[in-house]
Amino acid sequence: MSSGRSNERASESAPLYAGVKQMILDRIHSGEWPPKHRVPSENELVAELGVSKMTANRALRELASEGELIRIQGVGSFVAERKGTSALFEVRNIADEIAERGHIHLASVVFVREEAASPAVADALDLPIGSKVFHSLIVHSENDVPVQIEDRHVNPAAAPSYLEQDFTAITPNAYLTREAPLSGSEHIVEAVMPEPWQCKLLVILRNEPCLTIHRRTWSSKQVVSFARLVYPGNRYRLETRSGKATEE
């Protein structure tokens, strides 16, 4: 790529930022820059390639939105690993999903506490407004990269010892499955823009879209928990499969 800001007058069919993107992709796909490798910053690309900061920013921004890079605010841009996957309509333990990929799961507990049920939470748990409920907020990471916020409310009648658990050692999913075996579930999925506090916990930019699963689970006829699971869109993929292919 030739240097000099005069080259900013690239044709519409081959804008300069596309060349910067391709240069980065070539190094990723060749293996020169493996997963987790820190790629040059905007300023470093400007100095190395002679492009404008706007061009460098767009190239990095688009590669992040396409899932090729992970941008961590205040730290830098890194080559993304293959996206983790989560079964969309199965109630699985995220620690098991991560372990199956040969990666390391880590849970950071923000809080676990008792509180009065808001109208929305009371409706979700089929309890009177103001009833005592348990509330936990946990961030799950895969190889030290945050991939899910688990914001969960639990019916104390279904899991009376919930507050006493060490959720860095056992996930709420594993504990609740043991205490109140699953008999049914409900899922609502939506694409959302993250709240500022969610950006901080997931270490993502404010304009990075997320996927949210609203999940209710039952044991027998009792609602056990209501969870909001937030995934960064550029780090995780939700998938489902129904039935099996048959041979002709």
C-alpha atoms as a PDB file:
ATOM      1  CA  MET A   1       0.000   0.000   0.000  1.00  0.00           C
ATOM      2  CA  SER A   2       1.482   3.364  -0.965  1.00  0.00           C
ATOM      3  CA  SER A   3       1.887   6.032   1.684  1.00  0.00           C
ATOM      4  CA  GLY A   4       0.830   9.670   1.734  1.00  0.00           C
ATOM      5  CA  ARG A   5      -2.461  11.285   2.522  1.00  0.00           C
ATOM      6  CA  SER A   6      -2.993  12.114  -1.121  1.00  0.00           C
ATOM      7  CA  ASN A   7      -3.917   8.466  -1.523  1.00  0.00           C
ATOM      8  CA  GLU A   8      -7.049   9.158   0.511  1.00  0.00           C
ATOM      9  CA  ARG A   9      -8.690   9.967  -2.844  1.00  0.00           C
ATOM     10  CA  ALA A  10      -9.405   6.262  -3.436  1.00  0.00           C
ATOM     11  CA  SER A  11     -12.076   5.222  -5.863  1.00  0.00           C
ATOM     12  CA  GLU A  12     -15.524   4.315  -4.587  1.00  0.00           C
ATOM     13  CA  SER A  13     -15.012   0.741  -5.738  1.00  0.00           C
ATOM     14  CA  ALA A  14     -11.874   0.358  -3.622  1.00  0.00           C
ATOM     15  CA  PRO A  15     -11.953   2.782  -0.671  1.00  0.00           C
ATOM     16  CA  LEU A  16      -8.736   3.023   1.290  1.00  0.00           C
ATOM     17  CA  TYR A  17     -10.237   1.660   4.503  1.00  0.00           C
ATOM     18  CA  ALA A  18     -11.046  -1.572   2.599  1.00  0.00           C
ATOM     19  CA  GLY A  19      -7.345  -1.944   1.822  1.00  0.00           C
ATOM     20  CA  VAL A  20      -6.489  -1.546   5.498  1.00  0.00           C
ATOM     21  CA  LYS A  21      -9.100  -4.153   6.386  1.00  0.00           C
ATOM     22  CA  GLN A  22      -7.716  -6.571   3.812  1.00  0.00           C
ATOM     23  CA  MET A  23      -4.169  -6.106   5.078  1.00  0.00           C
ATOM     24  CA  ILE A  24      -5.312  -7.013   8.592  1.00  0.00           C
ATOM     25  CA  LEU A  25      -7.400  -9.949   7.347  1.00  0.00           C
ATOM     26  CA  ASP A  26      -4.470 -11.288   5.310  1.00  0.00           C
ATOM     27  CA  ARG A  27      -2.292 -11.383   8.406  1.00  0.00           C
ATOM     28  CA  ILE A  28      -5.039 -13.034  10.460  1.00  0.00           C
ATOM     29  CA  HIS A  29      -5.862 -15.685   7.868  1.00  0.00           C
ATOM     30  CA  SER A  30      -2.201 -16.463   7.206  1.00  0.00           C
ATOM     31  CA  GLY A  31      -1.684 -17.176  10.904  1.00  0.00           C
ATOM     32  CA  GLU A  32       0.800 -14.336  11.321  1.00  0.00           C
ATOM     33  CA  TRP A  33      -1.626 -12.752  13.791  1.00  0.00           C
ATOM     34  CA  PRO A  34      -3.201 -15.595  15.828  1.00  0.00           C
ATOM     35  CA  PRO A  35      -6.259 -15.291  18.129  1.00  0.00           C
ATOM     36  CA  LYS A  36      -5.698 -12.828  21.002  1.00  0.00           C
ATOM     37  CA  HIS A  37      -2.867 -11.103  19.090  1.00  0.00           C
ATOM     38  CA  ARG A  38      -2.960  -7.344  19.609  1.00  0.00           C
ATOM     39  CA  VAL A  39      -3.321  -5.585  16.254  1.00  0.00           C
ATOM     40  CA  PRO A  40      -1.859  -2.131  15.617  1.00  0.00           C
ATOM     41  CA  SER A  41      -3.789   0.781  17.100  1.00  0.00           C
ATOM     42  CA  GLU A  42      -5.310   3.570  15.010  1.00  0.00           C
ATOM     43  CA  ASN A  43      -2.237   5.720  15.620  1.00  0.00           C
ATOM     44  CA  GLU A  44       0.103   2.858  14.710  1.00  0.00           C
ATOM     45  CA  LEU A  45      -1.794   2.202  11.470  1.00  0.00           C
ATOM     46  CA  VAL A  46      -1.612   5.896  10.625  1.00  0.00           C
ATOM     47  CA  ALA A  47       2.157   5.890  11.149  1.00  0.00           C
ATOM     48  CA  GLU A  48       2.757   2.581   9.349  1.00  0.00           C
ATOM     49  CA  LEU A  49       0.444   3.027   6.365  1.00  0.00           C
ATOM     50  CA  GLY A  50       0.191   6.784   5.963  1.00  0.00           C
ATOM     51  CA  VAL A  51      -3.603   6.753   6.122  1.00  0.00           C
ATOM     52  CA  SER A  52      -5.830   9.101   8.071  1.00  0.00           C
ATOM     53  CA  LYS A  53      -7.028   8.298  11.558  1.00  0.00           C
ATOM     54  CA  MET A  54     -10.596   8.217  10.229  1.00  0.00           C
ATOM     55  CA  THR A  55      -9.627   5.505   7.715  1.00  0.00           C
ATOM     56  CA  ALA A  56      -7.852   3.430  10.373  1.00  0.00           C
ATOM     57  CA  ASN A  57     -10.781   3.810  12.759  1.00  0.00           C
ATOM     58  CA  ARG A  58     -13.314   2.664  10.167  1.00  0.00           C
ATOM     59  CA  ALA A  59     -11.244  -0.386   9.248  1.00  0.00           C
ATOM     60  CA  LEU A  60     -10.906  -1.487  12.881  1.00  0.00           C
ATOM     61  CA  ARG A  61     -14.537  -0.679  13.647  1.00  0.00           C
ATOM     62  CA  GLU A  62     -15.866  -2.721  10.729  1.00  0.00           C
ATOM     63  CA  LEU A  63     -13.607  -5.681  11.484  1.00  0.00           C
ATOM     64  CA  ALA A  64     -14.911  -5.662  15.057  1.00  0.00           C
ATOM     65  CA  SER A  65     -18.543  -5.541  13.891  1.00  0.00           C
ATOM     66  CA  GLU A  66     -17.811  -8.479  11.551  1.00  0.00           C
ATOM     67  CA  GLY A  67     -16.430 -10.511  14.457  1.00  0.00           C
ATOM     68  CA  GLU A  68     -12.812 -10.565  13.257  1.00  0.00           C
ATOM     69  CA  LEU A  69     -11.530  -8.351  16.073  1.00  0.00           C
ATOM     70  CA  ILE A  70     -12.424  -7.687  19.687  1.00  0.00           C
ATOM     71  CA  ARG A  71     -12.001  -4.058  20.713  1.00  0.00           C
ATOM     72  CA  ILE A  72     -11.556  -3.457  24.444  1.00  0.00           C
ATOM     73  CA  GLN A  73     -11.953   0.179  25.375  1.00  0.00           C
ATOM     74  CA  GLY A  74      -8.751   1.657  26.747  1.00  0.00           C
ATOM     75  CA  VAL A  75      -6.768  -1.513  26.009  1.00  0.00           C
ATOM     76  CA  GLY A  76      -6.720  -2.123  22.246  1.00  0.00           C
ATOM     77  CA  SER A  77      -7.933  -4.375  19.430  1.00  0.00           C
ATOM     78  CA  PHE A  78      -7.262  -8.109  19.403  1.00  0.00           C
ATOM     79  CA  VAL A  79      -7.762 -10.930  16.918  1.00  0.00           C
ATOM     80  CA  ALA A  80     -10.987 -12.700  17.867  1.00  0.00           C
ATOM     81  CA  GLU A  81     -11.186 -16.377  18.581  1.00  0.00           C
ATOM     82  CA  ARG A  82     -13.890 -18.381  16.858  1.00  0.00           C
ATOM     83  CA  LYS A  83     -17.200 -17.273  18.373  1.00  0.00           C
ATOM     84  CA  GLY A  84     -18.496 -19.333  21.218  1.00  0.00           C
ATOM     85  CA  THR A  85     -21.923 -20.829  20.743  1.00  0.00           C
ATOM     86  CA  SER A  86     -24.842 -21.318  23.066  1.00  0.00           C
ATOM     87  CA  ALA A  87     -27.845 -23.553  22.497  1.00  0.00           C
ATOM     88  CA  LEU A  88     -30.716 -21.146  21.976  1.00  0.00           C
ATOM     89  CA  PHE A  89     -33.658 -23.132  23.330  1.00  0.00           C
ATOM     90  CA  GLU A  90     -31.805 -25.526  25.617  1.00  0.00           C
ATOM     91  CA  VAL A  91     -31.189 -24.709  29.260  1.00  0.00           C
ATOM     92  CA  ARG A  92     -27.506 -25.574  29.402  1.00  0.00           C
ATOM     93  CA  ASN A  93     -24.746 -24.771  31.833  1.00  0.00           C
ATOM     94  CA  ILE A  94     -22.483 -22.136  30.258  1.00  0.00           C
ATOM     95  CA  ALA A  95     -19.501 -23.592  32.129  1.00  0.00           C
ATOM     96  CA  ASP A  96     -20.090 -26.922  30.340  1.00  0.00           C
ATOM     97  CA  GLU A  97     -20.401 -25.228  26.938  1.00  0.00           C
ATOM     98  CA  ILE A  98     -17.101 -23.424  27.442  1.00  0.00           C
ATOM     99  CA  ALA A  99     -15.355 -26.568  28.727  1.00  0.00           C
ATOM    100  CA  GLU A 100     -16.528 -28.510  25.647  1.00  0.00           C
ATOM    101  CA  ARG A 101     -14.587 -26.032  23.498  1.00  0.00           C
ATOM    102  CA  GLY A 102     -11.464 -26.731  25.538  1.00  0.00           C
ATOM    103  CA  HIS A 103     -11.566 -23.268  27.084  1.00  0.00           C
ATOM    104  CA  ILE A 104     -11.548 -21.979  30.648  1.00  0.00           C
ATOM    105  CA  HIS A 105     -14.700 -20.697  32.340  1.00  0.00           C
ATOM    106  CA  LEU A 106     -14.522 -18.033  35.036  1.00  0.00           C
ATOM    107  CA  ALA A 107     -17.433 -16.521  36.952  1.00  0.00           C
ATOM    108  CA  SER A 108     -17.236 -13.093  38.606  1.00  0.00           C
ATOM    109  CA  VAL A 109     -20.014 -12.491  41.125  1.00  0.00           C
ATOM    110  CA  VAL A 110     -21.173  -8.867  41.217  1.00  0.00           C
ATOM    111  CA  PHE A 111     -23.736  -9.572  43.947  1.00  0.00           C
ATOM    112  CA  VAL A 112     -26.062 -12.213  45.398  1.00  0.00           C
ATOM    113  CA  ARG A 113     -28.773 -10.820  47.656  1.00  0.00           C
ATOM    114  CA  GLU A 114     -32.338 -10.914  48.894  1.00  0.00           C
ATOM    115  CA  GLU A 115     -34.733  -8.171  47.804  1.00  0.00           C
ATOM    116  CA  ALA A 116     -38.392  -7.335  47.306  1.00  0.00           C
ATOM    117  CA  ALA A 117     -39.845  -8.379  43.968  1.00  0.00           C
ATOM    118  CA  SER A 118     -40.631  -5.514  41.598  1.00  0.00           C
ATOM    119  CA  PRO A 119     -43.915  -5.782  39.667  1.00  0.00           C
ATOM    120  CA  ALA A 120     -42.103  -7.156  36.593  1.00  0.00           C
ATOM    121  CA  VAL A 121     -40.125  -9.738  38.571  1.00  0.00           C
ATOM    122  CA  ALA A 122     -43.203 -10.736  40.585  1.00  0.00           C
ATOM    123  CA  ASP A 123     -45.122 -11.351  37.350  1.00  0.00           C
ATOM    124  CA  ALA A 124     -42.271 -13.413  35.915  1.00  0.00           C
ATOM    125  CA  LEU A 125     -42.035 -15.597  39.036  1.00  0.00           C
ATOM    126  CA  ASP A 126     -45.802 -15.781  39.629  1.00  0.00           C
ATOM    127  CA  LEU A 127     -45.416 -14.192  43.060  1.00  0.00           C
ATOM    128  CA  PRO A 128     -47.138 -11.256  44.780  1.00  0.00           C
ATOM    129  CA  ILE A 129     -45.487  -7.855  44.310  1.00  0.00           C
ATOM    130  CA  GLY A 130     -42.995  -7.188  47.104  1.00  0.00           C
ATOM    131  CA  SER A 131     -42.426 -10.869  47.879  1.00  0.00           C
ATOM    132  CA  LYS A 132     -38.976 -11.928  49.014  1.00  0.00           C
ATOM    133  CA  VAL A 133     -36.847 -13.095  46.062  1.00  0.00           C
ATOM    134  CA  PHE A 134     -33.182 -13.885  45.537  1.00  0.00           C
ATOM    135  CA  HIS A 135     -31.251 -11.832  42.976  1.00  0.00           C
ATOM    136  CA  SER A 136     -27.809 -12.614  41.531  1.00  0.00           C
ATOM    137  CA  LEU A 137     -25.694 -10.754  38.984  1.00  0.00           C
ATOM    138  CA  ILE A 138     -22.783 -12.726  37.547  1.00  0.00           C
ATOM    139  CA  VAL A 139     -20.387 -12.199  34.632  1.00  0.00           C
ATOM    140  CA  HIS A 140     -19.216 -15.352  32.849  1.00  0.00           C
ATOM    141  CA  SER A 141     -15.906 -15.239  30.967  1.00  0.00           C
ATOM    142  CA  GLU A 142     -14.314 -17.570  28.437  1.00  0.00           C
ATOM    143  CA  ASN A 143     -10.512 -17.524  28.518  1.00  0.00           C
ATOM    144  CA  ASP A 144     -10.696 -14.258  30.490  1.00  0.00           C
ATOM    145  CA  VAL A 145     -12.985 -12.562  27.923  1.00  0.00           C
ATOM    146  CA  PRO A 146     -16.475 -11.668  29.257  1.00  0.00           C
ATOM    147  CA  VAL A 147     -19.147 -13.437  27.181  1.00  0.00           C
ATOM    148  CA  GLN A 148     -22.328 -13.318  29.264  1.00  0.00           C
ATOM    149  CA  ILE A 149     -24.048 -11.272  31.953  1.00  0.00           C
ATOM    150  CA  GLU A 150     -26.417 -13.478  33.952  1.00  0.00           C
ATOM    151  CA  ASP A 151     -28.997 -11.347  35.767  1.00  0.00           C
ATOM    152  CA  ARG A 152     -31.202 -13.849  37.607  1.00  0.00           C
ATOM    153  CA  HIS A 153     -34.120 -13.716  40.057  1.00  0.00           C
ATOM    154  CA  VAL A 154     -34.977 -16.900  41.938  1.00  0.00           C
ATOM    155  CA  ASN A 155     -38.068 -18.065  43.804  1.00  0.00           C
ATOM    156  CA  PRO A 156     -36.835 -18.806  47.362  1.00  0.00           C
ATOM    157  CA  ALA A 157     -39.368 -21.605  47.765  1.00  0.00           C
ATOM    158  CA  ALA A 158     -37.676 -23.507  44.930  1.00  0.00           C
ATOM    159  CA  ALA A 159     -34.083 -22.970  46.125  1.00  0.00           C
ATOM    160  CA  PRO A 160     -33.989 -21.863  49.776  1.00  0.00           C
ATOM    161  CA  SER A 161     -30.170 -22.144  50.049  1.00  0.00           C
ATOM    162  CA  TYR A 162     -29.445 -20.055  46.935  1.00  0.00           C
ATOM    163  CA  LEU A 163     -27.770 -17.189  48.818  1.00  0.00           C
ATOM    164  CA  GLU A 164     -25.356 -19.581  50.534  1.00  0.00           C
ATOM    165  CA  GLN A 165     -23.797 -20.907  47.320  1.00  0.00           C
ATOM    166  CA  ASP A 166     -20.337 -20.062  45.973  1.00  0.00           C
ATOM    167  CA  PHE A 167     -21.163 -19.168  42.393  1.00  0.00           C
ATOM    168  CA  THR A 168     -17.493 -18.943  41.444  1.00  0.00           C
ATOM    169  CA  ALA A 169     -17.365 -22.720  41.978  1.00  0.00           C
ATOM    170  CA  ILE A 170     -20.824 -23.785  40.791  1.00  0.00           C
ATOM    171  CA  THR A 171     -23.068 -21.942  38.336  1.00  0.00           C
ATOM    172  CA  PRO A 172     -26.648 -21.005  39.247  1.00  0.00           C
ATOM    173  CA  ASN A 173     -27.764 -23.274  36.408  1.00  0.00           C
ATOM    174  CA  ALA A 174     -25.997 -26.300  37.894  1.00  0.00           C
ATOM    175  CA  TYR A 175     -27.234 -25.575  41.405  1.00  0.00           C
ATOM    176  CA  LEU A 176     -30.857 -24.949  40.405  1.00  0.00           C
ATOM    177  CA  THR A 177     -30.943 -28.024  38.159  1.00  0.00           C
ATOM    178  CA  ARG A 178     -29.890 -30.093  41.141  1.00  0.00           C
ATOM    179  CA  GLU A 179     -32.298 -28.478  43.610  1.00  0.00           C
ATOM    180  CA  ALA A 180     -35.344 -28.115  41.335  1.00  0.00           C
ATOM    181  CA  PRO A 181     -35.126 -30.441  38.299  1.00  0.00           C
ATOM    182  CA  LEU A 182     -36.253 -28.685  35.127  1.00  0.00           C
ATOM    183  CA  SER A 183     -39.676 -29.524  33.741  1.00  0.00           C
ATOM    184  CA  GLY A 184     -40.205 -26.593  31.373  1.00  0.00           C
ATOM    185  CA  SER A 185     -38.782 -23.341  30.050  1.00  0.00           C
ATOM    186  CA  GLU A 186     -39.742 -20.199  28.155  1.00  0.00           C
ATOM    187  CA  HIS A 187     -37.400 -18.088  26.017  1.00  0.00           C
ATOM    188  CA  ILE A 188     -37.673 -14.633  24.492  1.00  0.00           C
ATOM    189  CA  VAL A 189     -34.744 -13.421  22.366  1.00  0.00           C
ATOM    190  CA  GLU A 190     -34.063  -9.846  21.295  1.00  0.00           C
ATOM    191  CA  ALA A 191     -31.247  -7.735  19.889  1.00  0.00           C
ATOM    192  CA  VAL A 192     -30.465  -4.771  22.138  1.00  0.00           C
ATOM    193  CA  MET A 193     -27.999  -1.961  22.581  1.00  0.00           C
ATOM    194  CA  PRO A 194     -26.272  -2.418  25.937  1.00  0.00           C
ATOM    195  CA  GLU A 195     -26.791  -0.223  28.976  1.00  0.00           C
ATOM    196  CA  PRO A 196     -23.694   1.668  30.184  1.00  0.00           C
ATOM    197  CA  TRP A 197     -23.295  -0.658  33.186  1.00  0.00           C
ATOM    198  CA  GLN A 198     -23.482  -3.687  30.894  1.00  0.00           C
ATOM    199  CA  CYS A 199     -20.745  -2.197  28.688  1.00  0.00           C
ATOM    200  CA  LYS A 200     -18.501  -1.914  31.744  1.00  0.00           C
ATOM    201  CA  LEU A 201     -19.093  -5.502  32.836  1.00  0.00           C
ATOM    202  CA  LEU A 202     -18.616  -6.914  29.322  1.00  0.00           C
ATOM    203  CA  VAL A 203     -15.773  -4.491  28.464  1.00  0.00           C
ATOM    204  CA  ILE A 204     -17.407  -3.428  25.195  1.00  0.00           C
ATOM    205  CA  LEU A 205     -18.116  -0.136  23.482  1.00  0.00           C
ATOM    206  CA  ARG A 206     -21.497   1.562  23.890  1.00  0.00           C
ATOM    207  CA  ASN A 207     -22.393   1.037  20.218  1.00  0.00           C
ATOM    208  CA  GLU A 208     -21.726  -2.720  20.165  1.00  0.00           C
ATOM    209  CA  PRO A 209     -25.027  -4.626  19.871  1.00  0.00           C
ATOM    210  CA  CYS A 210     -25.890  -7.486  22.199  1.00  0.00           C
ATOM    211  CA  LEU A 211     -28.243 -10.450  22.186  1.00  0.00           C
ATOM    212  CA  THR A 212     -30.474 -10.963  25.213  1.00  0.00           C
ATOM    213  CA  ILE A 213     -32.352 -14.111  26.209  1.00  0.00           C
ATOM    214  CA  HIS A 214     -35.180 -13.681  28.720  1.00  0.00           C
ATOM    215  CA  ARG A 215     -35.598 -17.156  30.211  1.00  0.00           C
ATOM    216  CA  ARG A 216     -38.088 -18.547  32.707  1.00  0.00           C
ATOM    217  CA  THR A 217     -37.756 -22.079  34.049  1.00  0.00           C
ATOM    218  CA  TRP A 218     -40.204 -24.354  35.858  1.00  0.00           C
ATOM    219  CA  SER A 219     -39.927 -27.362  38.124  1.00  0.00           C
ATOM    220  CA  SER A 220     -43.246 -29.188  38.197  1.00  0.00           C
ATOM    221  CA  LYS A 221     -45.782 -26.331  38.277  1.00  0.00           C
ATOM    222  CA  GLN A 222     -43.548 -23.866  40.144  1.00  0.00           C
ATOM    223  CA  VAL A 223     -41.574 -21.085  38.453  1.00  0.00           C
ATOM    224  CA  VAL A 224     -37.993 -21.490  39.658  1.00  0.00           C
ATOM    225  CA  SER A 225     -36.190 -18.529  38.136  1.00  0.00           C
ATOM    226  CA  PHE A 226     -36.319 -15.658  35.696  1.00  0.00           C
ATOM    227  CA  ALA A 227     -32.991 -14.822  34.028  1.00  0.00           C
ATOM    228  CA  ARG A 228     -31.820 -12.151  31.595  1.00  0.00           C
ATOM    229  CA  LEU A 229     -28.742 -13.432  29.747  1.00  0.00           C
ATOM    230  CA  VAL A 230     -26.846 -10.757  27.810  1.00  0.00           C
ATOM    231  CA  TYR A 231     -24.253 -11.766  25.186  1.00  0.00           C
ATOM    232  CA  PRO A 232     -21.929  -9.415  23.210  1.00  0.00           C
ATOM    233  CA  GLY A 233     -22.933  -9.921  19.589  1.00  0.00           C
ATOM    234  CA  ASN A 234     -19.332  -9.972  18.343  1.00  0.00           C
ATOM    235  CA  ARG A 235     -18.207 -12.686  20.779  1.00  0.00           C
ATOM    236  CA  TYR A 236     -21.040 -15.173  20.955  1.00  0.00           C
ATOM    237  CA  ARG A 237     -23.478 -16.898  18.640  1.00  0.00           C
ATOM    238  CA  LEU A 238     -26.828 -18.410  19.607  1.00  0.00           C
ATOM    239  CA  GLU A 239     -27.945 -21.398  17.590  1.00  0.00           C
ATOM    240  CA  THR A 240     -30.596 -24.097  17.532  1.00  0.00           C
ATOM    241  CA  ARG A 241     -31.344 -27.187  15.485  1.00  0.00           C
ATOM    242  CA  SER A 242     -34.577 -29.118  15.124  1.00  0.00           C
ATOM    243  CA  GLY A 243     -34.822 -32.688  13.931  1.00  0.00           C
ATOM    244  CA  LYS A 244     -32.232 -34.637  11.954  1.00  0.00           C
ATOM    245  CA  ALA A 245     -31.435 -34.878   8.290  1.00  0.00           C
ATOM    246  CA  THR A 246     -32.691 -38.101   6.702  1.00  0.00           C
ATOM    247  CA  GLU A 247     -31.195 -39.975   3.797  1.00  0.00           C
ATOM    248  CA  GLU A 248     -33.174 -40.248   0.580  1.00  0.00           C
END
